[in-house]
Protein backbone atom coordinates (compact mmCIF):
# COMPACT_ATOMS: atom_id res chain seq x y z
CA UNK A 1 -86.34 -57.06 -61.89
CA UNK A 2 -87.64 -56.13 -58.71
CA UNK A 3 -90.92 -56.57 -60.22
CA UNK A 4 -89.85 -60.17 -61.18
CA UNK A 5 -88.93 -60.95 -57.69
CA UNK A 6 -92.25 -59.93 -56.19
CA UNK A 7 -94.34 -61.65 -58.67
CA UNK A 8 -91.91 -65.07 -57.98
CA UNK A 9 -92.27 -64.30 -54.18
CA UNK A 10 -96.19 -64.44 -54.90
CA UNK A 11 -96.43 -66.99 -57.09
CA UNK A 12 -94.30 -69.20 -54.22
CA UNK A 13 -96.40 -67.93 -51.79
CA UNK A 14 -99.74 -68.85 -53.40
CA UNK A 15 -98.21 -72.60 -54.14
CA UNK A 16 -97.91 -72.74 -50.41
CA UNK A 17 -101.35 -71.86 -49.52
CA UNK A 18 -102.82 -74.10 -52.15
CA UNK A 19 -100.69 -76.95 -50.50
CA UNK A 20 -101.99 -76.41 -47.24
CA UNK A 21 -105.84 -75.98 -48.32
CA UNK A 22 -105.60 -79.41 -49.82
CA UNK A 23 -104.29 -81.33 -46.96
CA UNK A 24 -107.39 -82.83 -45.47
CA UNK A 25 -104.61 -83.78 -42.14
CA UNK A 26 -104.30 -80.04 -41.55
CA UNK A 27 -107.66 -79.03 -41.68
CA UNK A 28 -109.97 -81.83 -40.63
CA UNK A 29 -111.72 -79.76 -37.63
CA UNK A 30 -109.85 -76.62 -38.28
CA UNK A 31 -109.93 -73.40 -40.36
CA UNK A 32 -108.10 -70.74 -42.82
CA UNK A 33 -108.17 -67.75 -42.02
CA UNK A 34 -108.05 -64.55 -44.69
CA UNK A 35 -107.00 -61.20 -43.26
CA UNK A 36 -106.86 -57.72 -45.09
CA UNK A 37 -105.17 -54.99 -43.17
CA UNK A 38 -105.21 -51.34 -44.57
CA UNK A 39 -103.40 -48.09 -42.83
CA UNK A 40 -104.50 -44.98 -44.68
CA UNK A 41 -102.22 -42.64 -43.75
CA UNK A 42 -103.62 -38.85 -43.01
CA UNK A 43 -100.19 -37.34 -41.71
CA UNK A 44 -96.77 -38.25 -40.92
CA UNK A 45 -98.08 -39.15 -37.16
CA UNK A 46 -102.10 -40.25 -37.53
CA UNK A 47 -103.35 -42.73 -39.74
CA UNK A 48 -106.77 -45.17 -39.80
CA UNK A 49 -106.12 -48.46 -39.31
CA UNK A 50 -108.93 -50.76 -40.49
CA UNK A 51 -109.06 -54.20 -41.10
CA UNK A 52 -111.24 -56.99 -42.33
CA UNK A 53 -111.24 -60.75 -41.84
CA UNK A 54 -113.43 -64.18 -42.52
CA UNK A 55 -112.54 -67.36 -40.95
CA UNK A 56 -113.38 -70.24 -43.41
CA UNK A 57 -114.44 -73.73 -41.61
CA UNK A 58 -114.74 -75.72 -44.92
CA UNK A 59 -118.20 -76.35 -44.37
CA UNK A 60 -121.85 -74.35 -44.71
CA UNK A 61 -122.26 -74.17 -41.37
CA UNK A 62 -119.67 -72.71 -39.31
CA UNK A 63 -118.26 -69.22 -40.56
CA UNK A 64 -116.91 -65.94 -38.58
CA UNK A 65 -116.39 -62.51 -39.72
CA UNK A 66 -114.81 -59.13 -37.83
CA UNK A 67 -114.20 -55.40 -39.34
CA UNK A 68 -112.33 -53.29 -36.98
CA UNK A 69 -111.12 -49.55 -37.32
CA UNK A 70 -109.24 -47.52 -35.65
CA UNK A 71 -106.77 -43.81 -34.93
CA UNK A 72 -103.45 -45.07 -34.88
CA UNK A 73 -100.61 -42.08 -33.60
CA UNK A 74 -97.63 -42.76 -34.01
CA UNK A 75 -95.29 -41.31 -30.96
CA UNK A 76 -92.09 -42.34 -32.70
CA UNK A 77 -90.29 -44.55 -35.21
CA UNK A 78 -90.38 -47.38 -32.51
CA UNK A 79 -93.52 -47.05 -30.63
CA UNK A 80 -97.56 -46.28 -31.47
CA UNK A 81 -100.97 -45.65 -29.76
CA UNK A 82 -103.92 -47.17 -31.01
CA UNK A 83 -108.09 -46.98 -30.09
CA UNK A 84 -111.11 -48.17 -32.20
CA UNK A 85 -113.79 -50.33 -32.46
CA UNK A 86 -114.67 -53.72 -33.86
CA UNK A 87 -117.67 -55.77 -34.91
CA UNK A 88 -118.08 -59.76 -35.01
CA UNK A 89 -120.47 -61.65 -35.70
CA UNK A 90 -120.65 -65.83 -37.16
CA UNK A 91 -122.22 -68.76 -36.89
CA UNK A 92 -119.51 -69.85 -34.22
CA UNK A 93 -119.08 -66.47 -32.56
CA UNK A 94 -121.75 -64.30 -30.94
CA UNK A 95 -122.57 -60.75 -32.06
CA UNK A 96 -120.21 -58.43 -30.68
CA UNK A 97 -119.33 -54.71 -30.33
CA UNK A 98 -115.83 -54.38 -29.04
CA UNK A 99 -113.55 -51.39 -28.02
CA UNK A 100 -109.78 -51.74 -28.00
CA UNK A 101 -107.01 -49.84 -27.30
CA UNK A 102 -103.41 -50.98 -27.58
CA UNK A 103 -99.83 -49.73 -27.39
CA UNK A 104 -96.58 -51.32 -29.35
CA UNK A 105 -92.98 -50.77 -28.89
CA UNK A 106 -90.49 -52.19 -30.83
CA UNK A 107 -86.79 -51.90 -30.88
CA UNK A 108 -83.61 -54.39 -32.77
CA UNK A 109 -80.82 -56.14 -31.11
CA UNK A 110 -78.68 -56.56 -34.10
CA UNK A 111 -80.62 -58.03 -36.86
CA UNK A 112 -83.51 -59.15 -35.02
CA UNK A 113 -86.41 -57.06 -33.80
CA UNK A 114 -88.12 -57.55 -30.62
CA UNK A 115 -91.97 -55.80 -30.48
CA UNK A 116 -94.02 -56.33 -27.98
CA UNK A 117 -98.16 -54.91 -27.95
CA UNK A 118 -100.34 -54.71 -25.03
CA UNK A 119 -104.02 -54.33 -26.10
CA UNK A 120 -106.75 -53.52 -23.85
CA UNK A 121 -110.25 -54.80 -24.98
CA UNK A 122 -114.14 -54.17 -23.76
CA UNK A 123 -116.57 -56.74 -24.96
CA UNK A 124 -119.95 -56.17 -25.35
CA UNK A 125 -122.96 -58.83 -26.82
CA UNK A 126 -126.14 -58.47 -28.06
CA UNK A 127 -127.23 -61.80 -26.42
CA UNK A 128 -128.68 -60.91 -22.80
CA UNK A 129 -127.16 -63.87 -21.42
CA UNK A 130 -123.37 -63.08 -22.08
CA UNK A 131 -121.58 -60.74 -19.91
CA UNK A 132 -119.48 -57.79 -20.55
CA UNK A 133 -115.85 -58.90 -20.59
CA UNK A 134 -112.89 -56.69 -20.18
CA UNK A 135 -109.87 -58.63 -21.81
CA UNK A 136 -106.07 -57.99 -21.51
CA UNK A 137 -103.75 -59.31 -24.59
CA UNK A 138 -99.95 -59.29 -24.48
CA UNK A 139 -98.38 -59.97 -27.73
CA UNK A 140 -94.61 -60.51 -27.63
CA UNK A 141 -92.96 -61.32 -31.13
CA UNK A 142 -89.33 -61.95 -32.55
CA UNK A 143 -88.89 -60.80 -36.13
CA UNK A 144 -85.50 -61.27 -38.65
CA UNK A 145 -85.42 -61.59 -42.29
CA UNK A 146 -84.01 -64.83 -44.05
CA UNK A 147 -83.42 -65.24 -47.75
CA UNK A 148 -87.26 -66.31 -48.27
CA UNK A 149 -88.83 -63.57 -47.02
CA UNK A 150 -89.17 -61.82 -42.99
CA UNK A 151 -90.34 -64.27 -39.99
CA UNK A 152 -92.12 -63.61 -37.52
CA UNK A 153 -92.33 -65.70 -33.69
CA UNK A 154 -94.50 -64.80 -31.21
CA UNK A 155 -97.31 -65.91 -28.64
CA UNK A 156 -100.22 -63.81 -27.36
CA UNK A 157 -102.04 -64.97 -24.10
CA UNK A 158 -105.77 -63.48 -23.74
CA UNK A 159 -106.32 -62.72 -20.31
CA UNK A 160 -109.81 -61.99 -19.00
CA UNK A 161 -110.12 -59.70 -15.65
CA UNK A 162 -112.92 -60.96 -13.35
CA UNK A 163 -113.97 -59.37 -10.17
CA UNK A 164 -113.68 -62.73 -8.92
CA UNK A 165 -110.25 -63.49 -10.06
CA UNK A 166 -108.54 -63.09 -13.73
CA UNK A 167 -107.46 -65.94 -15.80
CA UNK A 168 -106.09 -66.89 -19.08
CA UNK A 169 -108.58 -67.79 -21.32
CA UNK A 170 -106.66 -68.39 -24.65
CA UNK A 171 -103.34 -68.52 -25.90
CA UNK A 172 -101.90 -68.55 -29.28
CA UNK A 173 -98.56 -69.38 -30.69
CA UNK A 174 -97.63 -68.13 -34.13
CA UNK A 175 -94.65 -68.52 -36.58
CA UNK A 176 -95.33 -66.33 -40.13
CA UNK A 177 -93.11 -65.25 -43.10
CA UNK A 178 -93.73 -62.06 -45.20
CA UNK A 179 -92.98 -60.84 -48.40
CA UNK A 180 -93.60 -57.62 -50.12
CA UNK A 181 -95.46 -58.47 -53.52
CA UNK A 182 -96.26 -54.82 -54.85
CA UNK A 183 -95.55 -51.69 -54.09
CA UNK A 184 -97.04 -51.23 -50.37
CA UNK A 185 -98.45 -54.81 -50.41
CA UNK A 186 -97.44 -57.17 -48.46
CA UNK A 187 -98.48 -61.10 -48.00
CA UNK A 188 -98.01 -62.88 -44.97
CA UNK A 189 -98.80 -66.65 -44.21
CA UNK A 190 -99.09 -67.98 -40.95
CA UNK A 191 -99.38 -70.97 -39.01
CA UNK A 192 -101.58 -70.25 -35.53
CA UNK A 193 -102.11 -72.64 -33.02
CA UNK A 194 -104.66 -71.81 -30.29
CA UNK A 195 -105.63 -73.14 -27.31
CA UNK A 196 -108.65 -71.97 -24.99
CA UNK A 197 -109.10 -72.33 -21.21
CA UNK A 198 -111.55 -72.11 -18.56
CA UNK A 199 -111.20 -70.52 -15.03
CA UNK A 200 -112.41 -74.19 -13.25
CA UNK A 201 -109.83 -76.80 -15.50
CA UNK A 202 -106.45 -76.84 -15.27
CA UNK A 203 -105.41 -77.87 -18.75
CA UNK A 204 -107.07 -76.47 -21.79
CA UNK A 205 -110.24 -76.92 -23.25
CA UNK A 206 -110.38 -76.70 -26.82
CA UNK A 207 -107.17 -76.12 -29.37
CA UNK A 208 -107.39 -74.83 -33.24
CA UNK A 209 -104.63 -75.26 -35.78
CA UNK A 210 -105.37 -72.10 -38.28
CA UNK A 211 -103.50 -71.04 -41.31
CA UNK A 212 -103.73 -66.68 -41.74
CA UNK A 213 -103.51 -65.85 -45.16
CA UNK A 214 -102.54 -61.70 -44.34
CA UNK A 215 -102.33 -59.25 -46.60
CA UNK A 216 -101.34 -55.68 -45.69
CA UNK A 217 -101.57 -52.56 -47.39
CA UNK A 218 -100.30 -48.85 -46.62
CA UNK A 219 -102.15 -46.09 -48.49
CA UNK A 220 -99.98 -42.66 -48.66
CA UNK A 221 -102.75 -39.98 -50.20
CA UNK A 222 -101.71 -36.70 -52.03
CA UNK A 223 -99.56 -34.70 -49.44
CA UNK A 224 -101.03 -31.69 -49.87
CA UNK A 225 -101.23 -29.99 -46.33
CA UNK A 226 -99.12 -29.15 -43.47
CA UNK A 227 -99.82 -32.17 -41.79
CA UNK A 228 -98.02 -34.26 -43.76
CA UNK A 229 -94.35 -35.00 -43.95
CA UNK A 230 -91.49 -35.16 -41.49
CA UNK A 231 -90.78 -31.28 -40.08
CA UNK A 232 -87.66 -30.18 -41.23
CA UNK A 233 -84.90 -29.30 -38.38
CA UNK A 234 -83.79 -25.34 -38.50
């Protein structure tokens, strides 16, 4: 029965994806973002978090790809810290090596989970005309369950830190719905509104509407060593 429920959810989500993809009004100037996240458990406390993403602009000239991996440490059930490296390239993105460190904390108020993430990024570019950039991203989110899946409402401002003054370079607003489709695999459909800003302008200078199709996959290897599992209280 559970297997049937998961298949039904998968079919429903695929129908939603197809409906978005054929909507000319939605994707006239924007794109769809395919994103796979993998968490490989090394132990109860440590894991390797990796992801690979591709942004499809529906024409042959524009694309953007990224790959990222980092080491995660679960401080307790409600918080974790992580650090790693990311590679970005594409026709709409300069070739970039990005280092990142983030801290995530979550707690519950009744049936609502409140999650906060702060991420520090150090962006280096192969293009000699582009300067090193230090950026802070703050991502508050509300998560709650419904009969059709787990909903997320979130925002994410991107703050560029400069010697001559910091400013918000971009901001995202996000709504998403997540469902388990099989075992440790979840499928999330997200609508994201992203606005870009410049230090010299008072309003936003660009706006994108996008759909992200996100797959989260957790891998638990054979638990043969003493690092795996919780320590039993004696």
